[in-house]
């Protein structure tokens, strides 16, 4: 597994616990925000992350949050309206 894939997997697992922000990802993994953004864009394109509600921060404007999409329920999977 490459370092990039390991980071992508780590971000996905972190986002499964709750919304994450770009500065939070950058700080946790010791990355520049631009590199964190590139990784998040990859996960958004793959469908592994979606934009979440803004995350409040102690000072300043709320940050854009990212989270894992909800898993389809086994009872409704494949059903159409």
N, C-alpha and C. Protein backbone atom coordinates (compact mmCIF):
# COMPACT_ATOMS: atom_id res chain seq x y z
N UNK A 1 0.86 -1.17 0.00
CA UNK A 1 0.00 0.00 0.00
C UNK A 1 0.90 1.24 0.00
N UNK A 2 0.62 2.17 -0.89
CA UNK A 2 1.40 3.40 -0.96
C UNK A 2 1.02 4.34 0.18
N UNK A 3 1.89 5.33 0.41
CA UNK A 3 1.61 6.32 1.46
C UNK A 3 0.31 7.06 1.16
N UNK A 4 0.09 7.38 -0.13
CA UNK A 4 -1.13 8.10 -0.52
C UNK A 4 -2.37 7.27 -0.21
N UNK A 5 -2.36 5.99 -0.56
CA UNK A 5 -3.51 5.14 -0.28
C UNK A 5 -3.73 4.99 1.23
N UNK A 6 -2.65 4.92 1.99
CA UNK A 6 -2.77 4.83 3.45
C UNK A 6 -3.41 6.10 4.01
N UNK A 7 -3.02 7.26 3.48
CA UNK A 7 -3.62 8.52 3.92
C UNK A 7 -5.10 8.57 3.55
N UNK A 8 -5.43 8.14 2.33
CA UNK A 8 -6.83 8.13 1.91
C UNK A 8 -7.67 7.23 2.81
N UNK A 9 -7.14 6.07 3.13
CA UNK A 9 -7.86 5.16 4.01
C UNK A 9 -8.00 5.75 5.42
N UNK A 10 -6.95 6.37 5.90
CA UNK A 10 -7.00 6.99 7.23
C UNK A 10 -8.03 8.10 7.30
N UNK A 11 -8.08 8.94 6.27
CA UNK A 11 -9.06 10.03 6.24
C UNK A 11 -10.47 9.47 6.19
N UNK A 12 -10.68 8.43 5.40
CA UNK A 12 -12.00 7.80 5.30
C UNK A 12 -12.43 7.24 6.65
N UNK A 13 -11.52 6.57 7.35
CA UNK A 13 -11.85 6.02 8.67
C UNK A 13 -12.13 7.13 9.68
N UNK A 14 -11.35 8.20 9.61
CA UNK A 14 -11.56 9.33 10.50
C UNK A 14 -12.92 9.97 10.25
N UNK A 15 -13.30 10.11 8.99
CA UNK A 15 -14.58 10.72 8.62
C UNK A 15 -15.76 9.83 9.00
N UNK A 16 -15.52 8.54 9.17
CA UNK A 16 -16.60 7.63 9.58
C UNK A 16 -17.05 7.92 11.01
N UNK A 17 -16.16 8.51 11.81
CA UNK A 17 -16.49 8.84 13.21
C UNK A 17 -17.30 10.12 13.33
N UNK A 18 -17.21 10.96 12.33
CA UNK A 18 -17.91 12.24 12.36
C UNK A 18 -17.27 13.19 11.37
N UNK A 19 -17.88 14.35 11.17
CA UNK A 19 -17.35 15.29 10.18
C UNK A 19 -15.91 15.71 10.48
N UNK A 20 -15.12 15.81 9.42
CA UNK A 20 -13.74 16.28 9.53
C UNK A 20 -13.60 17.54 8.67
N UNK A 21 -12.61 18.36 8.99
CA UNK A 21 -12.35 19.59 8.24
C UNK A 21 -10.97 19.51 7.61
N UNK A 22 -10.73 20.34 6.60
CA UNK A 22 -9.41 20.36 5.96
C UNK A 22 -8.30 20.70 6.96
N UNK A 23 -8.46 21.77 7.77
CA UNK A 23 -7.39 22.05 8.73
C UNK A 23 -7.19 20.89 9.73
N UNK A 24 -8.28 20.22 10.10
CA UNK A 24 -8.17 19.09 11.01
C UNK A 24 -7.40 17.93 10.40
N UNK A 25 -7.66 17.64 9.12
CA UNK A 25 -6.94 16.57 8.42
C UNK A 25 -5.46 16.94 8.30
N UNK A 26 -5.20 18.19 7.89
CA UNK A 26 -3.82 18.64 7.71
C UNK A 26 -3.04 18.54 9.01
N UNK A 27 -3.66 18.97 10.11
CA UNK A 27 -2.99 18.93 11.41
C UNK A 27 -2.76 17.49 11.86
N UNK A 28 -3.76 16.65 11.74
CA UNK A 28 -3.64 15.27 12.21
C UNK A 28 -2.54 14.49 11.50
N UNK A 29 -2.41 14.70 10.18
CA UNK A 29 -1.44 13.95 9.40
C UNK A 29 -0.17 14.74 9.07
N UNK A 30 -0.05 15.96 9.59
CA UNK A 30 1.14 16.77 9.35
C UNK A 30 1.33 17.15 7.90
N UNK A 31 0.23 17.51 7.24
CA UNK A 31 0.25 17.84 5.81
C UNK A 31 -0.05 19.31 5.60
N UNK A 32 0.40 19.88 4.49
CA UNK A 32 -0.09 21.20 4.12
C UNK A 32 -1.57 21.10 3.75
N UNK A 33 -2.31 22.18 3.96
CA UNK A 33 -3.75 22.16 3.66
C UNK A 33 -3.98 21.85 2.18
N UNK A 34 -3.10 22.31 1.31
CA UNK A 34 -3.28 22.03 -0.12
C UNK A 34 -3.18 20.53 -0.41
N UNK A 35 -2.31 19.83 0.27
CA UNK A 35 -2.20 18.37 0.08
C UNK A 35 -3.43 17.66 0.66
N UNK A 36 -3.89 18.13 1.82
CA UNK A 36 -5.10 17.56 2.42
C UNK A 36 -6.29 17.76 1.47
N UNK A 37 -6.36 18.94 0.83
CA UNK A 37 -7.45 19.22 -0.09
C UNK A 37 -7.39 18.29 -1.30
N UNK A 38 -6.20 18.03 -1.81
CA UNK A 38 -6.06 17.12 -2.95
C UNK A 38 -6.54 15.72 -2.58
N UNK A 39 -6.23 15.26 -1.37
CA UNK A 39 -6.68 13.94 -0.92
C UNK A 39 -8.20 13.91 -0.76
N UNK A 40 -8.77 14.97 -0.19
CA UNK A 40 -10.22 15.04 -0.01
C UNK A 40 -10.92 15.05 -1.37
N UNK A 41 -10.35 15.78 -2.34
CA UNK A 41 -10.95 15.80 -3.68
C UNK A 41 -10.98 14.40 -4.29
N UNK A 42 -9.92 13.64 -4.09
CA UNK A 42 -9.89 12.26 -4.58
C UNK A 42 -11.01 11.44 -3.94
N UNK A 43 -11.18 11.58 -2.63
CA UNK A 43 -12.22 10.83 -1.92
C UNK A 43 -13.62 11.28 -2.33
N UNK A 44 -13.79 12.57 -2.60
CA UNK A 44 -15.09 13.07 -3.08
C UNK A 44 -15.41 12.47 -4.45
N UNK A 45 -14.43 12.44 -5.34
CA UNK A 45 -14.65 11.86 -6.68
C UNK A 45 -14.98 10.37 -6.59
N UNK A 46 -14.33 9.66 -5.68
CA UNK A 46 -14.59 8.22 -5.52
C UNK A 46 -15.94 7.94 -4.86
N UNK A 47 -16.52 8.95 -4.22
CA UNK A 47 -17.77 8.75 -3.49
C UNK A 47 -17.55 8.25 -2.07
N UNK A 48 -16.29 8.28 -1.60
CA UNK A 48 -15.99 7.83 -0.24
C UNK A 48 -16.27 8.91 0.80
N UNK A 49 -16.35 10.17 0.36
CA UNK A 49 -16.68 11.29 1.24
C UNK A 49 -17.75 12.14 0.58
N UNK A 50 -18.53 12.83 1.41
CA UNK A 50 -19.49 13.82 0.94
C UNK A 50 -19.35 15.05 1.81
N UNK A 51 -19.82 16.17 1.31
CA UNK A 51 -19.81 17.39 2.12
C UNK A 51 -20.87 17.25 3.22
N UNK A 52 -20.50 17.70 4.40
CA UNK A 52 -21.42 17.63 5.54
C UNK A 52 -21.78 19.06 5.95
N UNK A 53 -22.58 19.16 6.98
CA UNK A 53 -22.93 20.46 7.53
C UNK A 53 -21.66 21.16 8.03
N UNK A 54 -21.64 22.49 8.01
CA UNK A 54 -20.48 23.21 8.51
C UNK A 54 -20.17 22.82 9.96
N UNK A 55 -18.87 22.75 10.27
CA UNK A 55 -18.41 22.38 11.60
C UNK A 55 -18.04 23.66 12.34
N UNK A 56 -18.67 23.93 13.50
CA UNK A 56 -18.33 25.15 14.24
C UNK A 56 -16.89 25.07 14.79
N UNK A 57 -16.23 26.22 14.82
CA UNK A 57 -14.87 26.31 15.37
C UNK A 57 -14.87 27.38 16.45
N UNK A 58 -13.92 27.33 17.39
CA UNK A 58 -13.91 28.31 18.49
C UNK A 58 -13.84 29.76 18.02
N UNK A 59 -13.05 30.03 16.98
CA UNK A 59 -12.93 31.40 16.47
C UNK A 59 -13.09 31.39 14.96
N UNK A 60 -13.86 32.32 14.44
CA UNK A 60 -14.02 32.45 13.00
C UNK A 60 -15.26 31.75 12.47
N UNK A 61 -15.31 31.70 11.15
CA UNK A 61 -16.46 31.09 10.48
C UNK A 61 -16.41 29.57 10.60
N UNK A 62 -17.58 28.94 10.58
CA UNK A 62 -17.59 27.47 10.58
C UNK A 62 -16.85 26.94 9.35
N UNK A 63 -16.25 25.79 9.51
CA UNK A 63 -15.49 25.15 8.43
C UNK A 63 -16.36 24.13 7.71
N UNK A 64 -16.08 23.94 6.43
CA UNK A 64 -16.78 22.91 5.67
C UNK A 64 -16.40 21.54 6.25
N UNK A 65 -17.41 20.73 6.51
CA UNK A 65 -17.16 19.39 7.03
C UNK A 65 -17.30 18.36 5.93
N UNK A 66 -16.59 17.26 6.11
CA UNK A 66 -16.67 16.12 5.19
C UNK A 66 -16.91 14.88 6.02
N UNK A 67 -17.76 13.99 5.51
CA UNK A 67 -18.08 12.76 6.23
C UNK A 67 -18.30 11.62 5.24
N UNK A 68 -18.40 10.43 5.77
CA UNK A 68 -18.71 9.27 4.92
C UNK A 68 -20.19 9.28 4.60
N UNK A 69 -20.56 8.87 3.39
CA UNK A 69 -21.99 8.78 3.07
C UNK A 69 -22.64 7.66 3.88
N UNK A 70 -23.92 7.79 4.12
CA UNK A 70 -24.65 6.75 4.86
C UNK A 70 -24.66 5.47 4.04
N UNK A 71 -24.46 4.38 4.71
CA UNK A 71 -24.50 3.07 4.04
C UNK A 71 -25.95 2.72 3.75
N UNK A 72 -26.24 2.14 2.60
CA UNK A 72 -27.62 1.75 2.32
C UNK A 72 -28.09 0.67 3.28
N UNK A 73 -29.31 0.76 3.67
CA UNK A 73 -29.91 -0.23 4.57
C UNK A 73 -30.14 -1.53 3.80
N UNK A 74 -29.80 -2.63 4.37
CA UNK A 74 -29.95 -3.93 3.70
C UNK A 74 -31.41 -4.22 3.34
N UNK A 75 -32.35 -3.68 4.15
CA UNK A 75 -33.77 -3.94 3.89
C UNK A 75 -34.28 -3.18 2.68
N UNK A 76 -33.68 -2.01 2.38
CA UNK A 76 -34.18 -1.20 1.28
C UNK A 76 -33.27 -1.23 0.07
N UNK A 77 -32.15 -1.91 0.16
CA UNK A 77 -31.22 -1.95 -0.96
C UNK A 77 -31.88 -2.59 -2.18
N UNK A 78 -31.75 -1.92 -3.31
CA UNK A 78 -32.32 -2.44 -4.54
C UNK A 78 -33.77 -2.11 -4.76
N UNK A 79 -34.43 -1.51 -3.78
CA UNK A 79 -35.84 -1.15 -3.95
C UNK A 79 -35.96 0.16 -4.71
N UNK A 80 -37.01 0.29 -5.48
CA UNK A 80 -37.29 1.55 -6.18
C UNK A 80 -38.68 2.00 -5.78
N UNK A 81 -38.91 3.28 -5.96
CA UNK A 81 -40.23 3.83 -5.60
C UNK A 81 -41.20 3.72 -6.71
